[in-house]
N, C-alpha and C. Protein backbone atom coordinates (compact mmCIF):
# COMPACT_ATOMS: atom_id res chain seq x y z
N MET A 1 0.84 -1.18 0.00
CA MET A 1 0.00 0.00 0.00
C MET A 1 0.89 1.25 0.00
N LYS A 2 0.61 2.16 -0.90
CA LYS A 2 1.36 3.40 -0.98
C LYS A 2 0.93 4.33 0.16
N GLN A 3 1.91 4.91 0.84
CA GLN A 3 1.62 5.82 1.93
C GLN A 3 1.29 7.21 1.39
N PRO A 4 0.35 7.92 2.06
CA PRO A 4 0.06 9.29 1.65
C PRO A 4 1.29 10.18 1.84
N TRP A 5 1.37 11.26 1.09
CA TRP A 5 2.56 12.13 1.14
C TRP A 5 2.81 12.67 2.54
N TRP A 6 1.76 12.87 3.33
CA TRP A 6 1.89 13.51 4.64
C TRP A 6 2.18 12.52 5.76
N TRP A 7 2.27 11.22 5.46
CA TRP A 7 2.48 10.20 6.49
C TRP A 7 3.80 10.46 7.21
N PRO A 8 3.77 10.67 8.55
CA PRO A 8 4.99 11.07 9.26
C PRO A 8 5.87 9.93 9.75
N TRP A 9 5.54 8.69 9.45
CA TRP A 9 6.26 7.57 10.06
C TRP A 9 7.22 6.91 9.08
N ARG A 10 8.35 7.50 8.90
CA ARG A 10 9.45 6.89 8.15
C ARG A 10 10.67 7.74 8.41
N ARG A 11 11.79 7.08 8.54
CA ARG A 11 13.02 7.81 8.84
C ARG A 11 13.44 8.70 7.66
N VAL A 12 13.93 9.86 8.02
CA VAL A 12 14.50 10.79 7.04
C VAL A 12 15.83 11.27 7.61
N PRO A 13 16.70 11.82 6.77
CA PRO A 13 17.96 12.36 7.28
C PRO A 13 17.69 13.45 8.31
N GLU A 14 18.55 13.51 9.32
CA GLU A 14 18.39 14.49 10.39
C GLU A 14 19.68 15.25 10.65
N MET A 15 19.53 16.40 11.28
CA MET A 15 20.66 17.17 11.79
C MET A 15 20.34 17.48 13.24
N THR A 16 21.29 17.25 14.13
CA THR A 16 21.06 17.52 15.54
C THR A 16 21.03 19.03 15.80
N PRO A 17 20.38 19.44 16.89
CA PRO A 17 20.40 20.86 17.22
C PRO A 17 21.82 21.40 17.37
N GLU A 18 22.69 20.63 17.99
CA GLU A 18 24.07 21.08 18.19
C GLU A 18 24.79 21.28 16.86
N ALA A 19 24.61 20.33 15.93
CA ALA A 19 25.25 20.44 14.62
C ALA A 19 24.68 21.61 13.83
N LEU A 20 23.36 21.81 13.90
CA LEU A 20 22.76 22.94 13.20
C LEU A 20 23.26 24.26 13.77
N HIS A 21 23.31 24.38 15.07
CA HIS A 21 23.79 25.62 15.69
C HIS A 21 25.23 25.89 15.27
N ALA A 22 26.08 24.87 15.29
CA ALA A 22 27.48 25.03 14.88
C ALA A 22 27.56 25.45 13.41
N ALA A 23 26.74 24.84 12.55
CA ALA A 23 26.75 25.19 11.13
C ALA A 23 26.33 26.64 10.92
N LEU A 24 25.32 27.07 11.65
CA LEU A 24 24.87 28.46 11.53
C LEU A 24 25.94 29.42 12.04
N GLN A 25 26.62 29.06 13.11
CA GLN A 25 27.67 29.91 13.68
C GLN A 25 28.85 30.08 12.72
N THR A 26 29.12 29.06 11.91
CA THR A 26 30.24 29.13 10.97
C THR A 26 29.82 29.64 9.60
N GLY A 27 28.55 30.05 9.48
CA GLY A 27 28.09 30.66 8.23
C GLY A 27 27.81 29.70 7.10
N GLN A 28 27.56 28.43 7.40
CA GLN A 28 27.22 27.49 6.33
C GLN A 28 25.93 27.95 5.65
N PRO A 29 25.84 27.82 4.34
CA PRO A 29 24.69 28.35 3.60
C PRO A 29 23.46 27.45 3.68
N LEU A 30 22.88 27.36 4.85
CA LEU A 30 21.70 26.52 5.05
C LEU A 30 20.42 27.31 4.81
N GLN A 31 19.38 26.61 4.40
CA GLN A 31 18.06 27.20 4.25
C GLN A 31 17.17 26.56 5.32
N LEU A 32 16.60 27.37 6.19
CA LEU A 32 15.77 26.88 7.28
C LEU A 32 14.31 27.12 6.97
N VAL A 33 13.50 26.05 7.06
CA VAL A 33 12.07 26.16 6.80
C VAL A 33 11.32 25.58 7.99
N ASP A 34 10.47 26.39 8.60
CA ASP A 34 9.68 26.01 9.77
C ASP A 34 8.29 25.61 9.28
N VAL A 35 7.93 24.33 9.46
CA VAL A 35 6.65 23.84 8.96
C VAL A 35 5.55 23.84 10.02
N ARG A 36 5.82 24.45 11.17
CA ARG A 36 4.77 24.60 12.18
C ARG A 36 3.77 25.66 11.72
N THR A 37 2.72 25.85 12.49
CA THR A 37 1.74 26.89 12.14
C THR A 37 2.40 28.26 12.26
N ARG A 38 1.82 29.24 11.61
CA ARG A 38 2.37 30.60 11.69
C ARG A 38 2.35 31.12 13.13
N ALA A 39 1.32 30.74 13.90
CA ALA A 39 1.25 31.16 15.31
C ALA A 39 2.40 30.55 16.11
N GLU A 40 2.69 29.27 15.89
CA GLU A 40 3.81 28.63 16.58
C GLU A 40 5.13 29.31 16.20
N HIS A 41 5.29 29.57 14.92
CA HIS A 41 6.50 30.22 14.42
C HIS A 41 6.67 31.59 15.08
N ALA A 42 5.59 32.36 15.16
CA ALA A 42 5.66 33.71 15.72
C ALA A 42 6.03 33.69 17.21
N ARG A 43 5.64 32.63 17.92
CA ARG A 43 5.94 32.54 19.35
C ARG A 43 7.40 32.21 19.63
N GLY A 44 8.12 31.72 18.63
CA GLY A 44 9.53 31.42 18.82
C GLY A 44 10.06 30.49 17.76
N HIS A 45 11.09 30.94 17.04
CA HIS A 45 11.68 30.14 15.97
C HIS A 45 13.19 30.38 15.91
N ILE A 46 13.86 29.52 15.18
CA ILE A 46 15.30 29.66 14.98
C ILE A 46 15.53 30.88 14.09
N PRO A 47 16.44 31.77 14.47
CA PRO A 47 16.69 32.94 13.63
C PRO A 47 17.01 32.53 12.18
N GLY A 48 16.31 33.19 11.26
CA GLY A 48 16.51 32.91 9.85
C GLY A 48 15.56 31.88 9.27
N ALA A 49 14.78 31.20 10.12
CA ALA A 49 13.83 30.20 9.63
C ALA A 49 12.63 30.89 8.98
N ARG A 50 12.25 30.38 7.82
CA ARG A 50 11.11 30.92 7.09
C ARG A 50 9.89 30.03 7.32
N PRO A 51 8.73 30.61 7.61
CA PRO A 51 7.55 29.79 7.85
C PRO A 51 6.92 29.26 6.55
N SER A 52 6.51 28.00 6.59
CA SER A 52 5.75 27.39 5.51
C SER A 52 4.98 26.22 6.12
N PRO A 53 3.81 26.49 6.71
CA PRO A 53 3.07 25.47 7.45
C PRO A 53 2.83 24.18 6.65
N ILE A 54 2.96 23.05 7.35
CA ILE A 54 2.87 21.75 6.69
C ILE A 54 1.53 21.53 6.02
N HIS A 55 0.45 22.10 6.55
CA HIS A 55 -0.87 21.84 5.96
C HIS A 55 -0.95 22.34 4.52
N ALA A 56 -0.10 23.28 4.14
CA ALA A 56 -0.11 23.81 2.77
C ALA A 56 1.22 23.59 2.06
N PHE A 57 2.15 22.89 2.69
CA PHE A 57 3.51 22.79 2.16
C PHE A 57 3.57 22.17 0.77
N ARG A 58 2.78 21.15 0.53
CA ARG A 58 2.84 20.46 -0.76
C ARG A 58 2.59 21.41 -1.93
N GLN A 59 1.69 22.36 -1.75
CA GLN A 59 1.41 23.32 -2.81
C GLN A 59 2.28 24.57 -2.70
N ALA A 60 2.68 24.93 -1.49
CA ALA A 60 3.34 26.22 -1.26
C ALA A 60 4.85 26.20 -1.35
N TRP A 61 5.48 25.02 -1.28
CA TRP A 61 6.94 25.02 -1.21
C TRP A 61 7.62 25.70 -2.40
N PRO A 62 7.08 25.63 -3.64
CA PRO A 62 7.78 26.32 -4.73
C PRO A 62 7.93 27.83 -4.50
N ALA A 63 6.99 28.44 -3.78
CA ALA A 63 7.06 29.88 -3.51
C ALA A 63 8.24 30.24 -2.61
N LEU A 64 8.80 29.26 -1.92
CA LEU A 64 9.97 29.52 -1.08
C LEU A 64 11.22 29.78 -1.93
N ALA A 65 11.17 29.38 -3.21
CA ALA A 65 12.30 29.56 -4.14
C ALA A 65 13.60 29.05 -3.52
N LEU A 66 13.55 27.81 -3.02
CA LEU A 66 14.73 27.20 -2.41
C LEU A 66 15.81 26.94 -3.44
N ASP A 67 17.05 27.09 -3.03
CA ASP A 67 18.20 26.85 -3.89
C ASP A 67 18.58 25.38 -3.77
N PRO A 68 18.46 24.60 -4.85
CA PRO A 68 18.78 23.17 -4.77
C PRO A 68 20.25 22.89 -4.49
N ALA A 69 21.11 23.88 -4.60
CA ALA A 69 22.53 23.70 -4.33
C ALA A 69 22.87 23.87 -2.85
N ARG A 70 21.88 24.29 -2.05
CA ARG A 70 22.12 24.53 -0.61
C ARG A 70 21.24 23.61 0.22
N PRO A 71 21.78 23.04 1.30
CA PRO A 71 20.98 22.15 2.15
C PRO A 71 19.77 22.88 2.75
N VAL A 72 18.68 22.12 2.90
CA VAL A 72 17.46 22.63 3.51
C VAL A 72 17.22 21.88 4.81
N ILE A 73 17.00 22.61 5.89
CA ILE A 73 16.69 22.02 7.18
C ILE A 73 15.23 22.31 7.49
N LEU A 74 14.43 21.27 7.68
CA LEU A 74 13.01 21.40 7.97
C LEU A 74 12.81 21.29 9.48
N ILE A 75 12.00 22.18 10.02
CA ILE A 75 11.84 22.32 11.46
C ILE A 75 10.36 22.24 11.83
N CYS A 76 10.06 21.47 12.88
CA CYS A 76 8.72 21.49 13.47
C CYS A 76 8.88 21.42 14.98
N LEU A 77 7.83 21.10 15.70
CA LEU A 77 7.92 21.09 17.16
C LEU A 77 8.71 19.89 17.67
N SER A 78 8.39 18.69 17.16
CA SER A 78 8.99 17.48 17.74
C SER A 78 9.50 16.49 16.71
N ALA A 79 9.74 16.93 15.49
CA ALA A 79 10.27 16.09 14.40
C ALA A 79 9.25 15.07 13.90
N HIS A 80 7.99 15.48 13.81
CA HIS A 80 6.97 14.65 13.17
C HIS A 80 6.41 15.34 11.93
N ARG A 81 5.97 16.59 12.07
CA ARG A 81 5.42 17.31 10.91
C ARG A 81 6.47 17.58 9.86
N SER A 82 7.73 17.63 10.25
CA SER A 82 8.79 17.91 9.28
C SER A 82 9.13 16.70 8.41
N VAL A 83 8.72 15.49 8.82
CA VAL A 83 9.04 14.28 8.05
C VAL A 83 8.48 14.36 6.63
N PRO A 84 7.17 14.61 6.43
CA PRO A 84 6.68 14.63 5.06
C PRO A 84 7.29 15.75 4.21
N ALA A 85 7.56 16.89 4.81
CA ALA A 85 8.19 17.98 4.05
C ALA A 85 9.60 17.59 3.64
N THR A 86 10.32 16.93 4.52
CA THR A 86 11.67 16.46 4.19
C THR A 86 11.61 15.45 3.06
N ARG A 87 10.70 14.48 3.16
CA ARG A 87 10.56 13.47 2.09
C ARG A 87 10.22 14.12 0.76
N LEU A 88 9.32 15.10 0.77
CA LEU A 88 8.91 15.76 -0.46
C LEU A 88 10.12 16.43 -1.13
N LEU A 89 10.92 17.15 -0.35
CA LEU A 89 12.09 17.83 -0.93
C LEU A 89 13.16 16.84 -1.37
N LEU A 90 13.35 15.76 -0.61
CA LEU A 90 14.31 14.73 -1.03
C LEU A 90 13.90 14.15 -2.39
N ALA A 91 12.61 13.90 -2.56
CA ALA A 91 12.11 13.34 -3.82
C ALA A 91 12.32 14.29 -4.99
N ARG A 92 12.48 15.56 -4.70
CA ARG A 92 12.71 16.56 -5.75
C ARG A 92 14.18 16.93 -5.89
N GLY A 93 15.04 16.13 -5.28
CA GLY A 93 16.48 16.29 -5.48
C GLY A 93 17.20 17.22 -4.52
N PHE A 94 16.52 17.71 -3.50
CA PHE A 94 17.17 18.60 -2.53
C PHE A 94 17.95 17.80 -1.49
N ASP A 95 18.98 18.40 -0.94
CA ASP A 95 19.67 17.87 0.23
C ASP A 95 18.86 18.38 1.42
N ALA A 96 17.89 17.58 1.84
CA ALA A 96 16.95 18.00 2.89
C ALA A 96 17.12 17.13 4.12
N ARG A 97 17.03 17.77 5.29
CA ARG A 97 17.12 17.07 6.57
C ARG A 97 16.15 17.73 7.53
N GLN A 98 15.68 16.95 8.48
CA GLN A 98 14.86 17.56 9.53
C GLN A 98 15.72 17.81 10.75
N LEU A 99 15.28 18.76 11.55
CA LEU A 99 15.95 19.04 12.82
C LEU A 99 15.58 17.92 13.79
N ALA A 100 16.55 17.13 14.22
CA ALA A 100 16.30 16.02 15.14
C ALA A 100 15.69 16.54 16.44
N GLY A 101 14.53 16.01 16.80
CA GLY A 101 13.87 16.44 18.02
C GLY A 101 13.10 17.73 17.91
N GLY A 102 13.20 18.41 16.76
CA GLY A 102 12.45 19.64 16.52
C GLY A 102 12.79 20.78 17.47
N MET A 103 11.87 21.72 17.56
CA MET A 103 12.08 22.89 18.41
C MET A 103 12.16 22.52 19.88
N LEU A 104 11.52 21.42 20.27
CA LEU A 104 11.64 20.99 21.67
C LEU A 104 13.09 20.69 22.01
N ALA A 105 13.79 20.00 21.12
CA ALA A 105 15.21 19.69 21.35
C ALA A 105 16.06 20.96 21.27
N TRP A 106 15.77 21.83 20.30
CA TRP A 106 16.52 23.08 20.14
C TRP A 106 16.42 23.92 21.42
N LYS A 107 15.19 24.12 21.89
CA LYS A 107 14.98 24.92 23.10
C LYS A 107 15.54 24.20 24.32
N GLY A 108 15.45 22.87 24.34
CA GLY A 108 15.98 22.09 25.45
C GLY A 108 17.49 22.24 25.60
N GLN A 109 18.17 22.56 24.51
CA GLN A 109 19.61 22.80 24.54
C GLN A 109 19.93 24.26 24.87
N GLY A 110 18.88 25.08 25.04
CA GLY A 110 19.09 26.49 25.35
C GLY A 110 19.62 27.29 24.19
N LEU A 111 19.34 26.83 22.97
CA LEU A 111 19.84 27.52 21.77
C LEU A 111 18.94 28.71 21.43
N PRO A 112 19.47 29.69 20.68
CA PRO A 112 18.74 30.95 20.47
C PRO A 112 17.49 30.83 19.62
N THR A 113 16.49 31.62 20.01
CA THR A 113 15.26 31.74 19.23
C THR A 113 14.92 33.22 19.14
N GLU A 114 14.02 33.53 18.22
CA GLU A 114 13.48 34.88 18.12
C GLU A 114 11.98 34.77 17.94
N THR A 115 11.27 35.84 18.22
CA THR A 115 9.82 35.85 18.08
C THR A 115 9.43 36.77 16.94
N GLY A 116 8.17 36.66 16.54
CA GLY A 116 7.66 37.49 15.45
C GLY A 116 7.55 36.71 14.17
N PRO A 117 7.04 37.37 13.13
CA PRO A 117 6.80 36.67 11.86
C PRO A 117 8.06 36.19 11.17
C-alpha cells in the first residue's frame, strides 16, 4: 500500500540541534524552513527560519524559491510534521534534513530563538 505524502512515520535524514547551531555559527549556507503553524512560528523560531506550514507545504513550497545547491533544514515542534516535508524535498532532489527532536530539542539545549513573523 502506498503511503500518503503527509504520512509522518518513516526515517528521514536528520541534523542535531548542536550540529545545526554550529553550522549556523560558521556561516554554512543553510536554508531553514519552519513547517509549524504561523502562530507557533511567531511565538519562537530559529533565527533565519522561514515559515511554511505543513498543511499547505505540498502546494506552497515552490514559492519559497529554495536553492537546490544549498541544504534545507526542515523544522517542526517534535520532528513529526517535518518528516513529510523532508521526504517531499528529497524526492525533488534537494539535500533536505529535519531538525532532530524539533524545536523541543533546540529549546531544550538552550539555543537561540526569536519571536515574530
